N, C-alpha and C. Protein backbone atom coordinates (compact mmCIF):
# COMPACT_ATOMS: atom_id res chain seq x y z
N MET A 1 1.02 -1.04 -0.18
CA MET A 1 -0.04 -0.06 0.21
C MET A 1 0.83 1.28 -0.03
N THR A 2 0.49 2.15 -0.47
CA THR A 2 1.49 3.37 -0.89
C THR A 2 1.05 4.49 0.06
N ASP A 3 2.18 5.51 0.52
CA ASP A 3 1.74 6.09 1.04
C ASP A 3 -0.10 7.08 0.68
N ARG A 4 0.00 7.27 -0.40
CA ARG A 4 -1.55 7.86 -0.25
C ARG A 4 -2.47 6.95 -0.24
N ASP A 5 -1.97 5.85 -0.29
CA ASP A 5 -3.71 4.47 0.07
C ASP A 5 -3.68 4.82 1.06
N GLU A 6 -2.16 4.57 2.11
CA GLU A 6 -2.81 4.90 3.30
C GLU A 6 -3.62 5.87 4.20
N PHE A 7 -2.96 6.54 3.17
CA PHE A 7 -3.61 8.12 3.77
C PHE A 7 -4.93 8.56 3.49
N THR A 8 -5.05 8.23 2.40
CA THR A 8 -6.32 7.73 1.50
C THR A 8 -7.69 6.92 3.14
N ALA A 9 -7.17 6.08 3.09
CA ALA A 9 -7.94 5.09 3.90
C ALA A 9 -7.89 5.53 5.27
N PHE A 10 -7.00 5.80 5.89
CA PHE A 10 -7.41 7.07 7.37
C PHE A 10 -8.35 8.46 7.25
N VAL A 11 -8.27 8.67 6.32
CA VAL A 11 -8.80 10.23 6.36
C VAL A 11 -10.48 9.61 5.98
N ASP A 12 -10.64 8.39 5.11
CA ASP A 12 -11.83 7.82 5.39
C ASP A 12 -12.61 7.05 6.55
N SER A 13 -11.66 7.04 7.07
CA SER A 13 -12.07 5.92 8.29
C SER A 13 -12.38 6.87 9.82
N SER A 14 -11.87 7.79 10.01
CA SER A 14 -11.31 9.11 10.56
C SER A 14 -12.01 10.72 10.69
N SER A 15 -12.83 10.74 9.42
CA SER A 15 -13.19 12.12 9.01
C SER A 15 -14.82 12.82 9.39
N ARG A 16 -14.88 11.49 9.85
CA ARG A 16 -16.38 11.80 10.50
C ARG A 16 -16.52 12.36 11.84
N ASP A 17 -15.48 11.52 12.87
CA ASP A 17 -15.13 11.87 14.47
C ASP A 17 -14.30 13.20 14.11
N LEU A 18 -13.30 13.30 13.30
CA LEU A 18 -12.41 14.73 13.69
C LEU A 18 -13.47 15.63 12.60
N LEU A 19 -14.54 15.61 11.81
CA LEU A 19 -15.57 16.77 11.43
C LEU A 19 -16.64 16.89 12.78
N ARG A 20 -16.70 15.97 13.67
CA ARG A 20 -17.51 15.97 14.94
C ARG A 20 -16.70 16.92 15.96
N ALA A 21 -15.34 16.35 16.29
CA ALA A 21 -14.75 16.94 17.10
C ALA A 21 -14.35 18.88 16.70
N ALA A 22 -14.32 18.90 15.18
CA ALA A 22 -14.23 20.27 15.04
C ALA A 22 -15.04 21.38 14.92
N TRP A 23 -16.25 20.74 14.91
CA TRP A 23 -17.20 21.48 15.36
C TRP A 23 -17.67 21.54 16.79
N LEU A 24 -17.57 20.86 17.72
CA LEU A 24 -17.54 21.22 18.84
C LEU A 24 -16.10 22.14 18.80
N LEU A 25 -15.42 21.95 18.23
CA LEU A 25 -14.30 23.32 18.96
C LEU A 25 -14.73 24.95 18.54
N THR A 26 -15.01 24.56 17.17
CA THR A 26 -15.60 25.85 16.30
C THR A 26 -16.86 26.76 16.60
N GLY A 27 -17.79 25.83 16.43
CA GLY A 27 -19.43 25.93 17.02
C GLY A 27 -19.93 25.93 15.49
N ASP A 28 -19.86 25.78 14.62
CA ASP A 28 -20.32 26.19 13.23
C ASP A 28 -19.80 25.11 12.46
N TRP A 29 -20.61 24.45 11.33
CA TRP A 29 -20.05 23.21 10.24
C TRP A 29 -19.00 24.05 9.36
N PRO A 30 -19.20 25.28 8.94
CA PRO A 30 -18.56 25.29 7.89
C PRO A 30 -17.14 25.47 8.31
N THR A 31 -16.95 26.19 9.16
CA THR A 31 -15.74 26.55 9.90
C THR A 31 -14.67 25.50 10.30
N ALA A 32 -15.82 24.30 10.80
CA ALA A 32 -15.24 22.94 11.37
C ALA A 32 -14.18 22.28 10.26
N GLU A 33 -15.32 22.03 9.22
CA GLU A 33 -14.73 21.26 7.78
C GLU A 33 -13.55 22.21 7.10
N ASP A 34 -13.30 23.46 7.06
CA ASP A 34 -12.53 24.66 7.05
C ASP A 34 -11.11 24.11 7.95
N LEU A 35 -11.64 23.47 9.21
CA LEU A 35 -10.84 23.46 10.06
C LEU A 35 -10.55 21.98 10.05
N VAL A 36 -10.80 21.03 9.63
CA VAL A 36 -10.58 19.30 9.73
C VAL A 36 -9.77 19.73 8.03
N GLN A 37 -10.17 20.63 7.11
CA GLN A 37 -9.36 20.32 5.74
C GLN A 37 -7.91 21.15 6.21
N SER A 38 -7.70 21.93 6.93
CA SER A 38 -6.59 22.05 6.77
C SER A 38 -5.74 21.67 7.68
N ALA A 39 -6.40 20.91 8.77
CA ALA A 39 -5.44 19.82 9.67
C ALA A 39 -5.14 18.73 8.98
N LEU A 40 -5.85 18.34 7.51
CA LEU A 40 -5.31 17.08 7.19
C LEU A 40 -4.60 17.41 6.12
N THR A 41 -4.51 18.70 5.65
CA THR A 41 -3.66 19.10 4.18
C THR A 41 -2.29 18.83 5.11
N ALA A 42 -2.00 20.10 6.32
CA ALA A 42 -1.02 19.65 6.74
C ALA A 42 -0.19 18.06 7.00
N THR A 43 -0.79 17.46 7.92
CA THR A 43 -0.80 16.21 8.13
C THR A 43 -0.34 15.35 6.36
N TRP A 44 -0.84 15.88 5.70
CA TRP A 44 -0.26 15.01 4.23
C TRP A 44 1.10 16.07 3.82
N ARG A 45 0.88 17.13 4.26
CA ARG A 45 2.69 17.14 3.88
C ARG A 45 3.45 16.64 4.79
N HIS A 46 2.88 16.26 6.14
CA HIS A 46 4.09 15.73 6.39
C HIS A 46 4.54 14.14 6.18
N TRP A 47 3.21 13.72 6.07
CA TRP A 47 3.44 12.49 5.67
C TRP A 47 3.71 12.27 4.84
N GLN A 48 3.72 13.41 3.56
CA GLN A 48 4.21 13.19 2.53
C GLN A 48 6.32 12.95 2.42
N GLU A 49 6.61 13.85 3.37
CA GLU A 49 7.89 14.73 3.62
C GLU A 49 8.43 13.26 4.97
N ASN A 50 8.09 13.03 5.45
CA ASN A 50 8.38 11.89 6.97
C ASN A 50 7.57 10.84 6.60
N GLY A 51 7.24 10.17 5.75
CA GLY A 51 6.10 9.21 5.84
C GLY A 51 4.92 9.13 6.92
N PRO A 52 4.00 7.71 7.06
CA PRO A 52 3.14 7.81 7.93
C PRO A 52 3.39 8.40 9.28
N VAL A 53 2.67 8.68 10.16
CA VAL A 53 2.89 9.11 11.43
C VAL A 53 2.51 8.00 12.34
N ASN A 54 3.00 7.35 13.30
CA ASN A 54 2.29 6.85 14.25
C ASN A 54 1.50 6.43 14.92
N TYR A 55 0.81 7.58 15.09
CA TYR A 55 -0.48 7.89 15.66
C TYR A 55 -1.42 8.72 15.00
N PRO A 56 -1.72 8.72 13.46
CA PRO A 56 -2.20 9.97 12.36
C PRO A 56 -3.24 10.88 13.05
N GLU A 57 -4.29 10.27 13.94
CA GLU A 57 -5.86 10.61 14.71
C GLU A 57 -5.23 11.72 15.40
N ALA A 58 -4.53 11.53 16.28
CA ALA A 58 -3.88 12.07 17.31
C ALA A 58 -2.89 13.49 17.06
N TYR A 59 -2.19 13.04 15.78
CA TYR A 59 -1.18 13.98 15.22
C TYR A 59 -2.63 15.12 14.71
N VAL A 60 -3.86 14.67 13.52
CA VAL A 60 -4.33 15.36 12.94
C VAL A 60 -4.61 15.92 14.41
N ARG A 61 -5.59 15.71 15.21
CA ARG A 61 -6.14 16.36 16.45
C ARG A 61 -5.46 17.49 17.18
N ARG A 62 -4.11 17.56 17.57
CA ARG A 62 -3.41 18.29 17.50
C ARG A 62 -3.15 18.85 17.04
N VAL A 63 -2.74 19.06 15.03
CA VAL A 63 -3.29 20.20 14.25
C VAL A 63 -4.63 20.91 14.42
N MET A 64 -5.46 20.13 14.50
CA MET A 64 -7.00 21.13 15.06
C MET A 64 -6.71 21.72 16.08
N VAL A 65 -6.14 21.39 16.75
CA VAL A 65 -6.41 22.45 18.32
C VAL A 65 -5.21 23.15 18.68
N THR A 66 -4.05 23.57 17.50
CA THR A 66 -3.33 24.31 17.42
C THR A 66 -3.97 25.60 16.55
N THR A 67 -4.27 24.76 15.26
CA THR A 67 -5.17 25.62 14.20
C THR A 67 -6.32 26.38 14.82
N PHE A 68 -6.57 25.76 15.64
CA PHE A 68 -8.18 26.59 16.09
C PHE A 68 -7.21 27.57 16.71
N LEU A 69 -6.84 27.19 18.21
CA LEU A 69 -6.39 27.96 18.86
C LEU A 69 -5.39 29.05 17.97
N ARG A 70 -4.69 29.27 17.04
CA ARG A 70 -4.11 30.12 16.09
C ARG A 70 -5.84 31.31 15.43
N TRP A 71 -6.60 30.21 15.10
CA TRP A 71 -7.13 31.32 14.37
C TRP A 71 -8.09 31.78 15.41
N LYS A 72 -8.54 31.66 16.32
CA LYS A 72 -8.93 32.48 17.78
C LYS A 72 -8.38 33.65 18.24
N LYS A 73 -7.13 33.18 17.68
CA LYS A 73 -6.19 34.29 18.52
C LYS A 73 -6.40 36.24 17.73
N ARG A 74 -6.81 35.66 16.09
CA ARG A 74 -6.81 36.42 15.03
C ARG A 74 -8.13 37.66 15.86
N ARG A 75 -7.93 38.58 15.32
CA ARG A 75 -8.97 39.72 15.93
C ARG A 75 -9.49 40.28 14.31
N TRP A 76 -10.05 39.67 13.42
CA TRP A 76 -10.75 39.65 12.25
C TRP A 76 -10.95 38.28 12.22
N GLY A 77 -12.56 38.19 12.26
CA GLY A 77 -13.13 36.63 11.82
C GLY A 77 -13.74 36.91 10.75
N GLY A 78 -13.96 37.88 9.42
CA GLY A 78 -14.46 37.62 8.48
C GLY A 78 -15.51 37.93 8.35
N GLU A 79 -16.20 37.87 8.99
CA GLU A 79 -17.74 37.72 8.80
C GLU A 79 -18.22 39.41 9.09
N ILE A 80 -19.94 39.48 8.86
CA ILE A 80 -19.67 41.22 9.76
C ILE A 80 -21.76 40.66 9.43
N ALA A 81 -22.39 40.82 10.40
CA ALA A 81 -23.62 40.15 10.38
C ALA A 81 -24.53 41.87 10.42
N THR A 82 -25.16 42.18 9.54
CA THR A 82 -25.88 42.72 8.52
C THR A 82 -27.22 43.13 9.46
N GLU A 83 -27.78 41.56 9.67
CA GLU A 83 -28.79 41.57 10.39
C GLU A 83 -28.82 40.60 11.02
N PRO A 84 -30.24 40.64 12.44
CA PRO A 84 -30.40 39.94 12.72
C PRO A 84 -31.01 38.22 12.20
N LEU A 85 -30.74 36.86 12.33
CA LEU A 85 -31.54 36.02 12.23
C LEU A 85 -32.69 36.02 12.05
N PRO A 86 -33.24 35.45 11.69
CA PRO A 86 -34.74 35.42 11.55
C PRO A 86 -35.45 34.18 12.86
N GLU A 87 -35.97 33.86 13.46
CA GLU A 87 -36.57 33.10 14.57
C GLU A 87 -36.75 31.69 13.37
N GLY A 88 -35.89 30.78 14.72
CA GLY A 88 -36.06 29.23 13.93
C GLY A 88 -37.63 29.39 14.29
N PRO A 89 -37.81 27.64 13.68
CA PRO A 89 -39.06 27.26 13.95
C PRO A 89 -39.46 26.85 15.37
N ALA A 90 -40.65 26.80 15.67
CA ALA A 90 -41.15 26.80 16.96
C ALA A 90 -40.39 25.14 17.34
N ARG A 91 -40.40 25.60 18.56
CA ARG A 91 -40.06 24.18 18.86
C ARG A 91 -40.55 23.29 20.81
N ASP A 92 -41.33 22.15 20.52
CA ASP A 92 -41.79 21.18 21.57
C ASP A 92 -41.45 20.06 21.87
N ASP A 93 -41.50 19.70 23.20
CA ASP A 93 -41.15 18.51 23.93
C ASP A 93 -40.62 17.45 22.64
N LEU A 94 -41.23 17.28 21.33
CA LEU A 94 -40.63 16.23 20.67
C LEU A 94 -39.21 16.70 20.20
N PHE A 95 -38.87 17.72 20.53
CA PHE A 95 -37.74 18.15 20.27
C PHE A 95 -36.39 18.26 21.45
N ALA A 96 -37.00 17.69 21.90
CA ALA A 96 -36.46 18.16 23.32
C ALA A 96 -34.92 17.84 23.01
N GLN A 97 -34.02 16.79 22.39
CA GLN A 97 -33.39 16.54 21.94
C GLN A 97 -32.24 17.50 21.06
N VAL A 98 -33.23 18.46 20.71
CA VAL A 98 -32.52 19.50 19.29
C VAL A 98 -32.09 20.67 20.70
N ASP A 99 -33.09 20.67 21.52
CA ASP A 99 -33.20 21.93 22.52
C ASP A 99 -31.57 21.44 23.60
N ALA A 100 -31.37 20.64 23.32
CA ALA A 100 -29.95 19.69 24.51
C ALA A 100 -29.02 20.18 23.86
N HIS A 101 -29.07 20.26 22.57
CA HIS A 101 -27.53 20.06 21.14
C HIS A 101 -27.78 21.60 21.35
N ASP A 102 -28.67 22.66 21.07
CA ASP A 102 -28.23 24.28 21.01
C ASP A 102 -27.96 24.59 22.10
N ALA A 103 -28.44 23.80 23.58
CA ALA A 103 -27.69 24.58 25.24
C ALA A 103 -26.44 23.98 24.51
N LEU A 104 -25.97 22.69 24.80
CA LEU A 104 -24.75 22.70 24.56
C LEU A 104 -23.62 23.60 24.06
N HIS A 105 -24.10 23.51 22.39
CA HIS A 105 -23.38 24.63 21.45
C HIS A 105 -23.23 26.01 22.40
N ALA A 106 -24.48 26.27 22.84
CA ALA A 106 -24.42 27.71 23.31
C ALA A 106 -23.50 27.91 24.37
N ALA A 107 -23.34 27.11 25.91
CA ALA A 107 -22.69 26.61 26.52
C ALA A 107 -21.07 26.77 26.51
N LEU A 108 -20.65 25.72 24.94
CA LEU A 108 -19.28 25.56 24.93
C LEU A 108 -19.06 26.67 24.35
N SER A 109 -19.92 27.68 23.77
CA SER A 109 -19.18 29.10 23.06
C SER A 109 -19.05 30.02 24.33
N VAL A 110 -19.55 29.55 25.20
CA VAL A 110 -18.88 31.00 26.30
C VAL A 110 -17.49 30.34 26.73
N LEU A 111 -16.69 29.38 26.59
CA LEU A 111 -15.66 29.18 27.20
C LEU A 111 -14.63 29.63 26.88
N PRO A 112 -13.61 30.00 27.23
CA PRO A 112 -12.55 30.30 26.23
C PRO A 112 -11.82 28.99 25.33
N PRO A 113 -10.89 30.16 24.44
CA PRO A 113 -10.58 29.11 23.54
C PRO A 113 -10.00 27.22 24.07
N LYS A 114 -8.88 27.66 24.90
CA LYS A 114 -8.56 26.64 25.58
C LYS A 114 -9.11 25.75 26.34
N GLN A 115 -9.76 26.33 27.44
CA GLN A 115 -11.16 25.52 27.78
C GLN A 115 -11.89 24.56 26.82
N ARG A 116 -11.87 25.33 26.24
CA ARG A 116 -13.36 24.36 24.94
C ARG A 116 -12.89 23.22 24.49
N ALA A 117 -11.01 23.52 24.05
CA ALA A 117 -10.65 22.11 23.52
C ALA A 117 -10.15 21.22 24.27
N ILE A 118 -9.81 21.82 26.09
CA ILE A 118 -10.24 20.73 26.67
C ILE A 118 -11.17 19.88 27.15
N VAL A 119 -12.27 20.93 26.84
CA VAL A 119 -13.61 20.02 26.99
C VAL A 119 -14.08 18.77 25.90
N VAL A 120 -13.80 19.29 24.58
CA VAL A 120 -14.09 18.62 23.34
C VAL A 120 -13.51 17.32 23.83
N LEU A 121 -12.13 17.51 23.98
CA LEU A 121 -10.70 16.22 23.92
C LEU A 121 -11.18 15.36 24.98
N ARG A 122 -11.81 15.94 26.12
CA ARG A 122 -11.48 15.25 27.47
C ARG A 122 -13.25 14.23 27.35
N TYR A 123 -14.22 15.08 26.81
CA TYR A 123 -15.66 14.47 27.19
C TYR A 123 -16.32 14.41 25.95
N PHE A 124 -15.97 14.85 24.28
CA PHE A 124 -16.54 14.55 23.55
C PHE A 124 -15.32 13.70 22.44
N ALA A 125 -14.04 14.01 22.76
CA ALA A 125 -13.54 12.84 21.56
C ALA A 125 -12.67 11.34 22.83
N ASP A 126 -13.39 11.66 24.29
CA ASP A 126 -13.15 10.34 25.09
C ASP A 126 -11.71 10.53 25.49
N LEU A 127 -11.13 11.60 25.07
CA LEU A 127 -9.16 11.34 25.55
C LEU A 127 -9.20 10.94 27.22
N THR A 128 -8.27 10.31 27.29
CA THR A 128 -7.94 10.49 28.62
C THR A 128 -7.42 11.64 29.37
N GLU A 129 -6.88 12.32 30.35
CA GLU A 129 -6.15 13.43 30.93
C GLU A 129 -4.69 13.39 30.76
N ALA A 130 -3.95 12.08 30.17
CA ALA A 130 -3.11 12.17 29.87
C ALA A 130 -3.23 12.49 28.33
N GLN A 131 -4.11 11.72 27.87
CA GLN A 131 -3.98 11.83 26.25
C GLN A 131 -4.33 13.87 26.13
N THR A 132 -4.91 13.91 26.30
CA THR A 132 -5.22 15.58 26.51
C THR A 132 -4.50 16.60 26.87
N ALA A 133 -3.63 15.96 27.61
CA ALA A 133 -2.71 17.11 28.14
C ALA A 133 -1.21 17.04 26.67
N ALA A 134 -1.31 15.55 26.67
CA ALA A 134 -0.44 15.58 25.07
C ALA A 134 -0.77 16.18 23.97
N VAL A 135 -1.83 16.23 23.71
CA VAL A 135 -2.01 16.96 22.13
C VAL A 135 -1.95 18.30 22.60
N MET A 136 -2.65 18.80 23.86
CA MET A 136 -2.39 20.51 24.36
C MET A 136 -1.05 20.55 24.60
N GLN A 137 -0.51 19.42 24.54
CA GLN A 137 1.12 20.09 25.18
C GLN A 137 1.48 21.08 26.45
N CYS A 138 0.13 20.31 27.50
CA CYS A 138 0.60 20.91 28.42
C CYS A 138 0.76 19.85 29.86
N ALA A 139 0.70 19.78 31.17
CA ALA A 139 1.08 19.38 32.35
C ALA A 139 -0.76 18.74 32.45
N VAL A 140 -0.74 17.50 33.35
CA VAL A 140 -2.38 16.71 33.26
C VAL A 140 -2.67 17.69 34.29
N GLY A 141 -2.26 18.55 35.16
CA GLY A 141 -2.82 18.94 36.05
C GLY A 141 -3.35 20.05 35.59
N THR A 142 -2.74 20.26 34.39
CA THR A 142 -3.77 21.95 33.81
C THR A 142 -5.00 21.25 33.29
N VAL A 143 -4.67 20.09 32.74
CA VAL A 143 -6.02 19.41 32.26
C VAL A 143 -7.10 19.53 33.34
N LYS A 144 -6.63 19.00 33.88
CA LYS A 144 -7.94 18.89 35.45
C LYS A 144 -8.24 19.73 36.21
N SER A 145 -7.11 20.71 35.98
CA SER A 145 -7.92 21.95 36.90
C SER A 145 -8.75 23.19 35.54
N GLN A 146 -8.72 23.00 34.56
CA GLN A 146 -9.17 23.30 33.46
C GLN A 146 -10.44 23.23 33.23
N SER A 147 -10.48 21.29 32.94
CA SER A 147 -11.82 21.25 32.51
C SER A 147 -12.30 21.15 34.38
N ALA A 148 -12.14 21.26 34.95
CA ALA A 148 -13.29 21.50 36.33
C ALA A 148 -13.84 22.92 36.17
N LYS A 149 -12.90 23.93 35.92
CA LYS A 149 -13.05 25.26 35.97
C LYS A 149 -14.17 25.56 35.06
N ALA A 150 -14.01 24.57 33.40
CA ALA A 150 -15.00 24.46 32.21
C ALA A 150 -16.63 23.63 32.82
N LEU A 151 -16.21 22.79 33.59
CA LEU A 151 -17.29 22.11 33.66
C LEU A 151 -18.07 23.28 34.91
N ALA A 152 -17.19 24.07 35.79
CA ALA A 152 -17.93 24.92 36.45
C ALA A 152 -18.90 25.57 36.03
N ARG A 153 -18.13 26.24 35.14
CA ARG A 153 -18.84 27.70 33.91
C ARG A 153 -19.71 27.06 33.31
N LEU A 154 -19.91 25.76 32.86
CA LEU A 154 -20.83 25.24 32.49
C LEU A 154 -22.17 24.79 33.23
N HIS A 155 -22.06 24.90 34.26
CA HIS A 155 -23.39 24.49 35.15
C HIS A 155 -23.90 25.75 34.79
N ASP A 156 -23.07 26.60 35.36
CA ASP A 156 -23.97 27.80 35.54
C ASP A 156 -24.80 28.49 34.01
N VAL A 157 -24.84 28.12 32.82
CA VAL A 157 -24.66 27.93 31.71
C VAL A 157 -26.45 27.82 32.12
N PRO A 158 -27.85 29.03 31.31
CA PRO A 158 -29.07 28.68 31.32
C PRO A 158 -29.25 27.12 30.49
N GLY A 159 -30.23 26.27 31.08
CA GLY A 159 -30.79 25.30 29.80
C GLY A 159 -29.53 24.43 30.11
N LEU A 160 -29.19 24.27 30.54
CA LEU A 160 -27.43 22.78 30.19
C LEU A 160 -27.89 22.07 31.36
N ALA A 161 -28.09 22.98 32.73
CA ALA A 161 -27.85 22.38 33.99
C ALA A 161 -28.89 20.51 33.54
N GLY A 162 -29.76 20.21 33.00
CA GLY A 162 -30.75 19.50 33.07
C GLY A 162 -29.96 18.37 32.24
N VAL A 163 -29.30 19.05 31.43
CA VAL A 163 -28.28 18.06 30.47
C VAL A 163 -27.39 17.44 30.96
N LEU A 164 -26.33 18.35 32.12
CA LEU A 164 -25.67 17.67 32.60
C LEU A 164 -25.56 16.47 33.96
N THR A 165 -27.10 16.70 33.90
CA THR A 165 -27.12 16.04 35.21
C THR A 165 -28.47 14.64 34.96
N GLU A 166 -28.38 14.66 33.39
CA GLU A 166 -29.54 13.71 33.22
C GLU A 166 -29.18 12.02 33.45
N GLY A 167 -27.87 12.38 33.04
CA GLY A 167 -26.97 10.68 33.09
C GLY A 167 -26.83 10.47 34.23
N ARG A 168 -26.60 11.21 35.78
CA ARG A 168 -26.01 10.86 36.87
C ARG A 168 -27.54 10.08 37.68
N ALA A 169 -26.77 9.31 38.25
CA ALA A 169 -27.88 8.81 39.42
C ALA A 169 -28.44 9.84 40.64
N SER A 170 -29.60 9.80 40.92
CA SER A 170 -29.49 10.36 42.12
C SER A 170 -29.31 10.24 43.61
C-alpha cells in the first residue's frame, strides 16, 4: 500500500470523528470543515515528507487544536452580520434532543478557547487526561484544573444544567 493509499484510508475512516470534534471546537459546520481540511492538509504534507505518523488521529487532533487556537487569536473573523437572523421554527417536547444540542453549543461558546478545546478532547473525543495533556502540550494538572473550571462554568449556563445532570444517578 502506498503512502497515498494509507492516507486516503485514514481520512475515510476518521473524517467523521474529526469533523464532529472540529464542530465542537468551532461551533459551526463551515468553519469545522475548514479546520479539518487545514489539519488534513498539514498532515498530508508531513506524511509526504516524513512518511506515515505512528498515531495519525492524535497527530491530526493536535494540528486541529493548534490551528483552532491560532485562528481564535486573530482579531478579524472575516464576517460581519448585517441583520439579525430570523426566528427559527417553534420547538416542542418532541425536539428536546435538539434543544439539548443547542444548549450544549451555546454553553461551549462561552468557554475560552483552551478550556473549550480541553472539554471537547476530554468529554467528546473521550481522551484520557494524559492524552488530552499530550494533545494540548500541557501538564495533566492543567487539564484537570481547566476542565474543572470549564465544567463549573458550564453548570452556570441556563438550560444546560438539566443536560449535565440527566445521565447521573440521584
